[in-house]
Structure formats: structure tokens, C-alpha cells
Amino acid sequence: MDMLKGKIDKEDINEKNQTSVGMLEAVKNSDANNYVFQNLLEEDKVKNIILRNDGLYMGRKQINGKRVSVYARTYAECLKKLKQTRQILKKISQKHEDKDYMLYEWLAEWYETYKMRFVSLDTSNKINRVIREIKNYFKNQTLKSLKTLDIQKFLNTYPTSRKKEFITLYFNACLQKAEDLNMIDKNPFKAVVKEKRLNNIREGYSLEEQKTILKEIKGTELEPVILFYLVTGIRKDELKTFNIETDINEKTKTIKIKSEKKRDSKHLFREIDVTEELIALVKNNKESFKLDTNYIYRELKKILDKNKIKSGLHRLRHTFATNHFYLGTPVKMVSAWLGHETVELTQNIYTHIDRSITKSDVLALYANLYFLPK
């Protein structure tokens, strides 16, 4: 029991950094323990324990809103660990219940514990912007005193917009987690009147708009990076992790992109086919690839505003997809380059295309920068 106590204390101290509870010390598989197993089996009725190929038993269970995974050499040990783990998390949850957080305190803890390590940089920035908006409005509000009416009045201060959608999404998720952890009796967001979601129009720049953009950036420090965005389809901040020295394979004519998306807290990588001309463009303009992505966004926006073109660096990514539609590239290939989880996501972009544009039009504008599959 002293060993178990030590484990509990360690979990208690590090609770903010835990996403799942790891292995507890195993007990010997004796007749006595088998007797305990029988009692636990009747009490818990746990069915989600499987025998893995490596001979270990793995148990999984949702406890206080957390997915818990434990491992053991026997079924009895695995079942016992799930019960011990539940007791640990119950103790942690009790600590949350006993404390009346300021709303801004819980927002910060929710982000650090449940979001920061598991979302892309772009999503992380969106969440932090939402948190700032909420903190500025609810300066001295406690979590438990927050009412549905308070939230509704707050949301009513915003016009219908994508920003309002993000506030609704993340504020609701934060409060739902508080309910899951028994920090509040009920999520007050559940009774809020939510507006219909805006249609997410995935629209690239028209051929004429592309011509204007390329003309405006000609000979400037922006030209190499804007062209790079246009012919690789990378996301805005994926440029930050692109390393010219290590991420270009001249032999296979591919570039490696570290995705903003994560799996099990680790970034994913994908390869994009490129041309010799694009590789030469990159290698001959290394300084341009050191530009800050926010600076690139602001400078491009100035050009777009000047020419009365709908702004957005992300539209370069959609333009990449639609240009490949005109070039006749297979959608599966484009989807892989974009890092989409499904082909359907890529096909949604193709709902806003100009069918009068031809392959020759794109080739005339970009020469040999776009990769063409054989």
C-alpha cells in the first residue's frame, strides 16, 4: 500500500500534465489475488480489457472525462489497476470540486491541460484569442457563478462571424470539461441560443486575381514565398518549420513538410512532389524564407486590399488545390499533398471553381513551377 500511496501522490502533483494515467505497480498473480479479482469483477463489471499481441492486458475506461489506459500481465491485475486509477482521479476531481475557480483561472488551466499539447499552432492561436475575449468581458467572474444569461449577453455583443463561431466552440468545450470534472453542476452553455454556422466557402483566387498578385509581388522579397505557398499548398505556419537544407530531396524531387496536425502529441510529416524549377527558386532565395509568416500575411493583405481582392493567406492553399483541378491532377494525389484526412475535404474545395479556366492558362501563368504527374 505504501507503494500505491507513492504512486497516488506522484499523480496528484503532476495532474496538470497528465493526459492518461500510466502503469501502476503490478501485484503477483496468487490465489489470494484471484479472490480479489473475483470481487472486483462483480463490483466493476469492466468489459473493456483486451489481451494484446505482446501478451499484456490493456484496460481502457472513461473516468471523469479522461480516457484511462492501464497495462498488466494478468486480467486480474489490469482490473485492479483500473479501480486504483479511478480512485486517484476521483481524488483529483474532488480537488477541482472544492475550489471555486475564477473563470480566467479555469480557462488557462483547461487550455494548458487539454489543448496546448494536442492542437496545431494555428488552432492554439485561435483558442488563445478566444480566451482573451472571454477574460476581457468576464473580468471578475467565478466559474460557478457563471449563468446562461451572462454568456448569451456576451455572445450578443458580436455580429455573426467566424470569430463568434470560434468563441462559441471553445467556450462551450471549456465549460463542458468543467461539468465533466464535477466542477460545476451543469454546463450553462447548453441553454445558449446558438446561431446557424456560416458556410465555410473554400474558394481559391481567380485566374485574374492570381495574375494581379503575381504582378504586384514581382521582384520583391515576397515573390519566392508567395509562389512557394501557391505551388505547394502548405498552411501559413508550416513555412516556419520548413528547412531548406534538410527538407528538400533533389533526387526524388520532393519536399518534406512538418504538419501542424498532431497524432499522440507528435507532429505528422508529409511529402509534396515539386519541380526542379521550384527547388531552384527556393535555393536561390533563402533570405525570403526567413521572413516571419505574420509579416508575409500583413504585406500580402496590403496588396490585396489595394486591389480590392478578398484577403487571406490561406486562400493560396485553396488556389493550389483548384489549380491542380485545372491541371488534371488526380484528387487523391492533391489530397495527400494537402495533408487532408479524407478525399472529401479536398473535393469540397472543388465546389467553387471556374470551369472556363484550362490547363494551358495555369501553365502559361506559372511556367514549370507546378508539378505535373506523368
Protein backbone atom coordinates (compact mmCIF):
# COMPACT_ATOMS: atom_id res chain seq x y z
CA MET A 1 0.00 0.00 0.00
CA ASP A 2 2.92 2.35 0.65
CA MET A 3 3.99 1.82 -2.95
CA LEU A 4 0.48 2.65 -4.18
CA LYS A 5 0.37 5.74 -1.96
CA GLY A 6 3.60 6.94 -3.54
CA LYS A 7 2.03 6.50 -6.99
CA ILE A 8 -1.05 8.45 -5.99
CA ASP A 9 0.97 11.31 -4.56
CA LYS A 10 3.01 11.50 -7.77
CA GLU A 11 -0.14 11.61 -9.90
CA ASP A 12 -1.57 14.29 -7.61
CA ILE A 13 1.45 16.54 -8.04
CA ASN A 14 1.62 16.13 -11.80
CA GLU A 15 -2.10 16.09 -12.52
CA LYS A 16 -1.98 19.11 -14.86
CA ASN A 17 0.46 17.40 -17.20
CA GLN A 18 -1.36 14.08 -17.42
CA THR A 19 -3.46 13.06 -20.40
CA SER A 20 -3.80 9.45 -19.28
CA VAL A 21 -2.76 7.54 -16.18
CA GLY A 22 0.13 5.18 -16.77
CA MET A 23 1.05 1.83 -15.28
CA LEU A 24 0.74 1.27 -11.54
CA GLU A 25 2.92 -1.31 -9.78
CA ALA A 26 1.76 -4.84 -10.62
CA VAL A 27 0.82 -7.39 -7.92
CA LYS A 28 1.63 -11.09 -8.01
CA ASN A 29 -0.94 -13.42 -9.50
CA SER A 30 -1.66 -15.62 -6.49
CA ASP A 31 -4.77 -17.40 -5.26
CA ALA A 32 -5.39 -14.52 -2.87
CA ASN A 33 -5.23 -12.04 -5.70
CA ASN A 34 -7.54 -14.20 -7.79
CA TYR A 35 -10.02 -13.95 -4.93
CA VAL A 36 -9.73 -10.15 -5.05
CA PHE A 37 -10.21 -10.34 -8.82
CA GLN A 38 -13.48 -12.17 -8.43
CA ASN A 39 -14.81 -9.49 -6.06
CA LEU A 40 -13.64 -6.66 -8.33
CA LEU A 41 -15.17 -8.30 -11.36
CA GLU A 42 -18.60 -8.39 -9.75
CA GLU A 43 -18.31 -4.85 -8.45
CA ASP A 44 -16.89 -3.08 -11.52
CA LYS A 45 -18.25 -5.20 -14.37
CA VAL A 46 -15.40 -3.96 -16.56
CA LYS A 47 -15.55 -5.40 -20.07
CA ASN A 48 -13.12 -3.22 -21.98
CA ILE A 49 -9.99 -5.21 -21.22
CA ILE A 50 -8.18 -6.88 -24.11
CA LEU A 51 -5.18 -9.15 -24.47
CA ARG A 52 -2.60 -7.54 -26.76
CA ASN A 53 -0.28 -9.34 -29.15
CA ASP A 54 2.67 -8.73 -26.81
CA GLY A 55 0.96 -10.72 -24.03
CA LEU A 56 -0.04 -7.71 -21.89
CA TYR A 57 -3.60 -6.97 -20.87
CA MET A 58 -4.75 -3.44 -21.68
CA GLY A 59 -7.70 -1.83 -19.93
CA ARG A 60 -9.39 1.35 -21.09
CA LYS A 61 -12.12 3.36 -19.48
CA GLN A 62 -13.55 6.88 -19.44
CA ILE A 63 -13.17 8.22 -15.90
CA ASN A 64 -14.17 11.79 -15.04
CA GLY A 65 -13.96 12.74 -18.71
CA LYS A 66 -10.46 11.29 -19.16
CA ARG A 67 -9.60 8.22 -21.20
CA VAL A 68 -7.53 5.99 -18.94
CA SER A 69 -5.24 3.22 -20.20
CA VAL A 70 -3.58 0.71 -17.86
CA TYR A 71 -1.48 -2.38 -18.58
CA ALA A 72 -0.75 -5.58 -16.67
CA ARG A 73 0.43 -9.15 -17.13
CA THR A 74 -2.86 -10.69 -15.92
CA TYR A 75 -6.53 -9.85 -16.30
CA ALA A 76 -6.86 -9.59 -12.51
CA GLU A 77 -4.02 -7.09 -12.22
CA CYS A 78 -5.40 -5.00 -15.08
CA LEU A 79 -8.84 -4.85 -13.47
CA LYS A 80 -7.33 -3.88 -10.14
CA LYS A 81 -5.33 -1.08 -11.73
CA LEU A 82 -8.47 0.39 -13.30
CA LYS A 83 -10.08 0.56 -9.87
CA GLN A 84 -6.98 2.14 -8.32
CA THR A 85 -6.81 4.63 -11.16
CA ARG A 86 -10.45 5.58 -10.68
CA GLN A 87 -9.73 6.31 -7.01
CA ILE A 88 -6.78 8.52 -7.97
CA LEU A 89 -8.80 10.52 -10.49
CA LYS A 90 -11.69 10.79 -8.06
CA LYS A 91 -9.30 12.39 -5.58
CA ILE A 92 -8.05 14.83 -8.23
CA SER A 93 -11.61 15.61 -9.30
CA GLN A 94 -12.56 16.29 -5.67
CA LYS A 95 -9.85 18.92 -5.51
CA HIS A 96 -11.43 20.64 -8.53
CA GLU A 97 -14.89 20.44 -6.95
CA ASP A 98 -13.73 22.04 -3.72
CA LYS A 99 -12.16 25.05 -5.45
CA ASP A 100 -14.24 27.88 -6.89
CA TYR A 101 -12.05 28.95 -9.78
CA MET A 102 -12.09 32.41 -11.24
CA LEU A 103 -13.28 31.94 -14.80
CA TYR A 104 -9.97 33.17 -16.23
CA GLU A 105 -8.08 30.66 -14.00
CA TRP A 106 -10.07 27.73 -15.35
CA LEU A 107 -9.69 28.94 -18.95
CA ALA A 108 -5.90 28.91 -18.52
CA GLU A 109 -5.84 25.51 -16.84
CA TRP A 110 -8.20 23.98 -19.42
CA TYR A 111 -6.01 25.23 -22.26
CA GLU A 112 -2.74 24.07 -20.70
CA THR A 113 -4.07 20.63 -19.72
CA TYR A 114 -6.40 19.66 -22.54
CA LYS A 115 -5.45 21.72 -25.60
CA MET A 116 -1.93 23.16 -25.70
CA ARG A 117 -0.10 19.86 -26.34
CA PHE A 118 -2.65 18.39 -28.71
CA VAL A 119 -3.58 21.05 -31.27
CA SER A 120 -1.82 22.77 -34.16
CA LEU A 121 -0.17 26.16 -33.76
CA ASP A 122 -2.95 27.78 -35.76
CA THR A 123 -5.65 26.26 -33.54
CA SER A 124 -3.65 27.16 -30.44
CA ASN A 125 -3.57 30.80 -31.55
CA LYS A 126 -7.33 30.77 -32.18
CA ILE A 127 -8.01 29.37 -28.71
CA ASN A 128 -5.79 31.98 -27.06
CA ARG A 129 -7.60 34.76 -28.92
CA VAL A 130 -10.92 33.37 -27.67
CA ILE A 131 -9.59 33.20 -24.10
CA ARG A 132 -8.52 36.85 -24.26
CA GLU A 133 -12.00 37.90 -25.45
CA ILE A 134 -13.68 35.99 -22.61
CA LYS A 135 -11.25 37.30 -19.97
CA ASN A 136 -11.78 40.91 -21.06
CA TYR A 137 -15.55 40.58 -20.70
CA PHE A 138 -15.76 38.39 -17.57
CA LYS A 139 -13.01 40.06 -15.57
CA ASN A 140 -14.08 39.15 -12.01
CA GLN A 141 -16.48 36.28 -12.69
CA THR A 142 -16.11 32.97 -10.87
CA LEU A 143 -16.67 29.72 -12.72
CA LYS A 144 -19.52 28.52 -10.51
CA SER A 145 -21.38 31.85 -10.66
CA LEU A 146 -21.45 31.91 -14.48
CA LYS A 147 -25.02 31.79 -15.82
CA THR A 148 -26.52 31.12 -19.26
CA LEU A 149 -27.82 34.71 -19.39
CA ASP A 150 -24.29 36.04 -18.83
CA ILE A 151 -22.97 34.00 -21.74
CA GLN A 152 -25.87 34.96 -24.03
CA LYS A 153 -25.33 38.68 -23.38
CA PHE A 154 -21.62 38.23 -24.07
CA LEU A 155 -22.25 36.48 -27.40
CA ASN A 156 -24.84 39.07 -28.40
CA THR A 157 -22.10 41.72 -28.40
CA TYR A 158 -20.61 40.07 -31.51
CA PRO A 159 -22.02 40.12 -35.04
CA THR A 160 -22.38 36.83 -36.84
CA SER A 161 -18.86 35.96 -37.91
CA ARG A 162 -16.23 33.22 -37.92
CA LYS A 163 -14.79 34.81 -34.78
CA LYS A 164 -18.11 34.34 -32.98
CA GLU A 165 -18.17 30.70 -34.10
CA PHE A 166 -14.76 30.08 -32.56
CA ILE A 167 -15.80 31.75 -29.29
CA THR A 168 -18.89 29.56 -29.16
CA LEU A 169 -16.93 26.40 -29.95
CA TYR A 170 -14.12 26.79 -27.41
CA PHE A 171 -16.08 28.48 -24.61
CA ASN A 172 -18.60 25.64 -24.72
CA ALA A 173 -15.82 23.00 -24.74
CA CYS A 174 -14.14 24.62 -21.74
CA LEU A 175 -17.35 24.69 -19.70
CA GLN A 176 -18.29 21.16 -20.74
CA LYS A 177 -14.97 19.90 -19.39
CA ALA A 178 -15.72 21.69 -16.11
CA GLU A 179 -19.02 19.81 -15.94
CA ASP A 180 -17.32 16.50 -16.74
CA LEU A 181 -14.95 17.08 -13.82
CA ASN A 182 -17.86 17.96 -11.47
CA MET A 183 -16.51 21.49 -11.04
CA ILE A 184 -19.94 22.86 -11.96
CA ASP A 185 -23.35 21.17 -11.72
CA LYS A 186 -24.30 21.86 -15.33
CA ASN A 187 -22.69 23.48 -18.35
CA PRO A 188 -24.53 26.84 -18.66
CA PHE A 189 -23.69 26.94 -22.36
CA LYS A 190 -26.20 24.17 -23.10
CA ALA A 191 -29.14 26.58 -22.93
CA VAL A 192 -27.50 29.31 -25.03
CA VAL A 193 -29.20 30.15 -28.33
CA LYS A 194 -26.62 29.36 -31.00
CA GLU A 195 -26.64 30.87 -34.44
CA LYS A 196 -26.54 28.81 -37.61
CA ARG A 197 -22.98 28.08 -38.62
CA LEU A 198 -21.60 30.04 -41.55
CA ASN A 199 -20.87 28.10 -44.70
CA ASN A 200 -17.13 27.56 -44.91
CA ILE A 201 -16.53 28.53 -48.51
CA ARG A 202 -13.22 27.05 -49.66
CA GLU A 203 -12.53 29.38 -52.54
CA GLY A 204 -9.21 29.99 -54.27
CA TYR A 205 -8.14 33.13 -56.12
CA SER A 206 -9.49 33.52 -59.64
CA LEU A 207 -7.09 33.46 -62.58
CA GLU A 208 -7.30 37.26 -62.90
CA GLU A 209 -6.66 37.71 -59.19
CA GLN A 210 -3.65 35.41 -59.43
CA LYS A 211 -2.29 37.48 -62.29
CA THR A 212 -2.70 40.65 -60.23
CA ILE A 213 -0.97 39.10 -57.19
CA LEU A 214 1.98 37.81 -59.23
CA LYS A 215 2.36 41.19 -60.93
CA GLU A 216 2.35 43.05 -57.59
CA ILE A 217 4.95 40.80 -55.94
CA LYS A 218 7.25 40.61 -58.98
CA GLY A 219 10.84 41.31 -57.91
CA THR A 220 10.01 41.76 -54.21
CA GLU A 221 11.11 39.68 -51.22
CA LEU A 222 7.58 38.26 -51.09
CA GLU A 223 7.69 36.72 -54.57
CA PRO A 224 9.57 33.47 -53.74
CA VAL A 225 7.49 32.65 -50.64
CA ILE A 226 4.11 33.53 -52.17
CA LEU A 227 4.97 31.35 -55.17
CA PHE A 228 6.01 28.61 -52.75
CA TYR A 229 2.63 28.79 -50.99
CA LEU A 230 0.84 28.72 -54.35
CA VAL A 231 2.62 25.66 -55.77
CA THR A 232 2.92 23.55 -52.58
CA GLY A 233 -0.39 24.26 -50.82
CA ILE A 234 1.20 24.42 -47.36
CA ARG A 235 -0.57 26.06 -44.43
CA LYS A 236 0.53 29.51 -43.27
CA ASP A 237 2.70 28.50 -40.31
CA GLU A 238 4.07 25.29 -41.85
CA LEU A 239 6.60 27.56 -43.54
CA LYS A 240 8.18 28.17 -40.11
CA THR A 241 9.35 24.57 -39.79
CA PHE A 242 10.49 24.17 -43.40
CA ASN A 243 14.28 23.75 -43.52
CA ILE A 244 15.85 24.39 -46.91
CA GLU A 245 18.97 22.38 -46.02
CA THR A 246 17.25 19.21 -44.76
CA ASP A 247 13.69 19.16 -46.16
CA ILE A 248 14.46 19.20 -49.90
CA ASN A 249 15.26 15.93 -51.67
CA GLU A 250 16.67 16.82 -55.08
CA LYS A 251 16.98 13.17 -56.05
CA THR A 252 13.28 12.38 -55.64
CA LYS A 253 12.22 16.00 -56.30
CA THR A 254 10.15 16.18 -53.14
CA ILE A 255 9.97 18.45 -50.12
CA LYS A 256 9.11 17.34 -46.59
CA ILE A 257 6.57 19.38 -44.64
CA LYS A 258 6.06 19.15 -40.89
CA SER A 259 2.32 19.32 -40.47
CA GLU A 260 0.63 21.47 -37.84
CA LYS A 261 -1.59 18.49 -37.13
CA LYS A 262 -0.56 16.07 -34.39
CA ARG A 263 -1.16 12.45 -33.50
CA ASP A 264 -0.39 11.30 -29.97
CA SER A 265 1.21 14.72 -29.32
CA LYS A 266 3.64 14.21 -32.23
CA HIS A 267 3.67 16.21 -35.45
CA LEU A 268 2.92 14.43 -38.72
CA PHE A 269 5.06 14.76 -41.83
CA ARG A 270 4.08 14.61 -45.48
CA GLU A 271 5.94 14.81 -48.78
CA ILE A 272 4.99 17.06 -51.70
CA ASP A 273 6.20 16.46 -55.26
CA VAL A 274 7.84 19.54 -56.78
CA THR A 275 9.77 20.53 -59.88
CA GLU A 276 13.44 21.35 -60.40
CA GLU A 277 12.40 24.93 -61.11
CA LEU A 278 10.72 25.28 -57.72
CA ILE A 279 13.72 23.77 -55.93
CA ALA A 280 15.98 26.27 -57.70
CA LEU A 281 13.62 29.13 -56.75
CA VAL A 282 13.84 28.15 -53.10
CA LYS A 283 17.60 27.63 -53.00
CA ASN A 284 18.29 30.92 -54.79
CA ASN A 285 16.12 32.94 -52.39
CA LYS A 286 16.96 31.62 -48.92
CA GLU A 287 16.59 35.01 -47.25
CA SER A 288 12.95 35.28 -48.29
CA PHE A 289 12.21 32.00 -46.50
CA LYS A 290 13.37 33.53 -43.22
CA LEU A 291 10.52 36.07 -43.29
CA ASP A 292 8.03 35.86 -40.42
CA THR A 293 4.71 34.39 -41.54
CA ASN A 294 2.73 37.18 -39.85
CA TYR A 295 4.80 39.73 -41.79
CA ILE A 296 4.09 37.83 -45.03
CA TYR A 297 0.38 37.85 -44.19
CA ARG A 298 0.33 41.60 -43.49
CA GLU A 299 2.26 42.53 -46.63
CA LEU A 300 0.08 40.32 -48.82
CA LYS A 301 -3.03 41.83 -47.24
CA LYS A 302 -1.82 45.32 -48.20
CA ILE A 303 -1.53 44.21 -51.83
CA LEU A 304 -4.93 42.54 -51.79
CA ASP A 305 -6.66 45.48 -50.11
CA LYS A 306 -5.08 47.86 -52.61
CA ASN A 307 -6.52 45.80 -55.49
CA LYS A 308 -9.85 45.18 -53.71
CA ILE A 309 -9.29 41.43 -53.58
CA LYS A 310 -10.69 39.37 -50.71
CA SER A 311 -7.74 38.86 -48.40
CA GLY A 312 -6.42 35.68 -46.87
CA LEU A 313 -3.10 33.87 -46.95
CA HIS A 314 -4.99 30.60 -46.55
CA ARG A 315 -6.68 31.22 -49.91
CA LEU A 316 -3.30 30.50 -51.53
CA ARG A 317 -3.72 26.92 -50.28
CA HIS A 318 -7.16 26.66 -51.86
CA THR A 319 -5.75 28.16 -55.05
CA PHE A 320 -3.16 25.38 -55.12
CA ALA A 321 -5.96 22.79 -55.00
CA THR A 322 -8.12 24.42 -57.68
CA ASN A 323 -5.12 24.97 -59.98
CA HIS A 324 -4.40 21.25 -59.79
CA PHE A 325 -8.02 20.61 -60.72
CA TYR A 326 -7.44 22.64 -63.91
CA LEU A 327 -4.17 20.76 -64.48
CA GLY A 328 -5.99 17.42 -64.26
CA THR A 329 -4.09 16.10 -61.24
CA PRO A 330 -5.78 13.12 -59.51
CA VAL A 331 -7.68 14.29 -56.43
CA LYS A 332 -6.08 11.59 -54.24
CA MET A 333 -2.65 12.96 -55.00
CA VAL A 334 -3.71 16.55 -54.24
CA SER A 335 -5.37 15.40 -51.02
CA ALA A 336 -2.14 13.71 -49.88
CA TRP A 337 -0.10 16.84 -50.65
CA LEU A 338 -2.54 18.98 -48.67
CA GLY A 339 -2.45 16.59 -45.74
CA HIS A 340 -6.22 16.14 -45.74
CA GLU A 341 -7.58 13.21 -43.74
CA THR A 342 -10.16 12.41 -46.40
CA VAL A 343 -10.51 12.99 -50.14
CA GLU A 344 -13.93 14.53 -49.45
CA LEU A 345 -12.25 17.51 -47.75
CA THR A 346 -10.30 18.17 -50.94
CA GLN A 347 -13.35 17.72 -53.15
CA ASN A 348 -15.21 20.37 -51.12
CA ILE A 349 -12.74 22.93 -52.45
CA TYR A 350 -13.73 21.95 -55.99
CA THR A 351 -17.27 23.25 -55.46
CA HIS A 352 -16.07 26.80 -56.21
CA ILE A 353 -14.10 26.60 -59.44
CA ASP A 354 -14.16 28.42 -62.75
CA ARG A 355 -14.66 25.75 -65.40
CA SER A 356 -13.65 28.17 -68.15
CA ILE A 357 -10.02 28.02 -66.93
CA THR A 358 -7.87 25.50 -68.78
CA LYS A 359 -4.64 23.65 -68.12
CA SER A 360 -2.90 25.93 -70.61
CA ASP A 361 -4.00 29.02 -68.66
CA VAL A 362 -2.31 27.76 -65.47
CA LEU A 363 0.84 26.63 -67.27
CA ALA A 364 1.15 29.99 -69.02
CA LEU A 365 0.99 31.79 -65.67
CA TYR A 366 3.36 29.57 -63.68
CA ALA A 367 5.57 28.06 -66.40
CA ASN A 368 7.24 24.95 -64.91
CA LEU A 369 6.67 25.64 -61.22
CA TYR A 370 3.69 23.31 -60.85
CA PHE A 371 4.39 19.58 -60.64
CA LEU A 372 2.54 17.54 -63.29
CA PRO A 373 2.11 13.79 -62.71
CA LYS A 374 3.11 11.62 -65.65
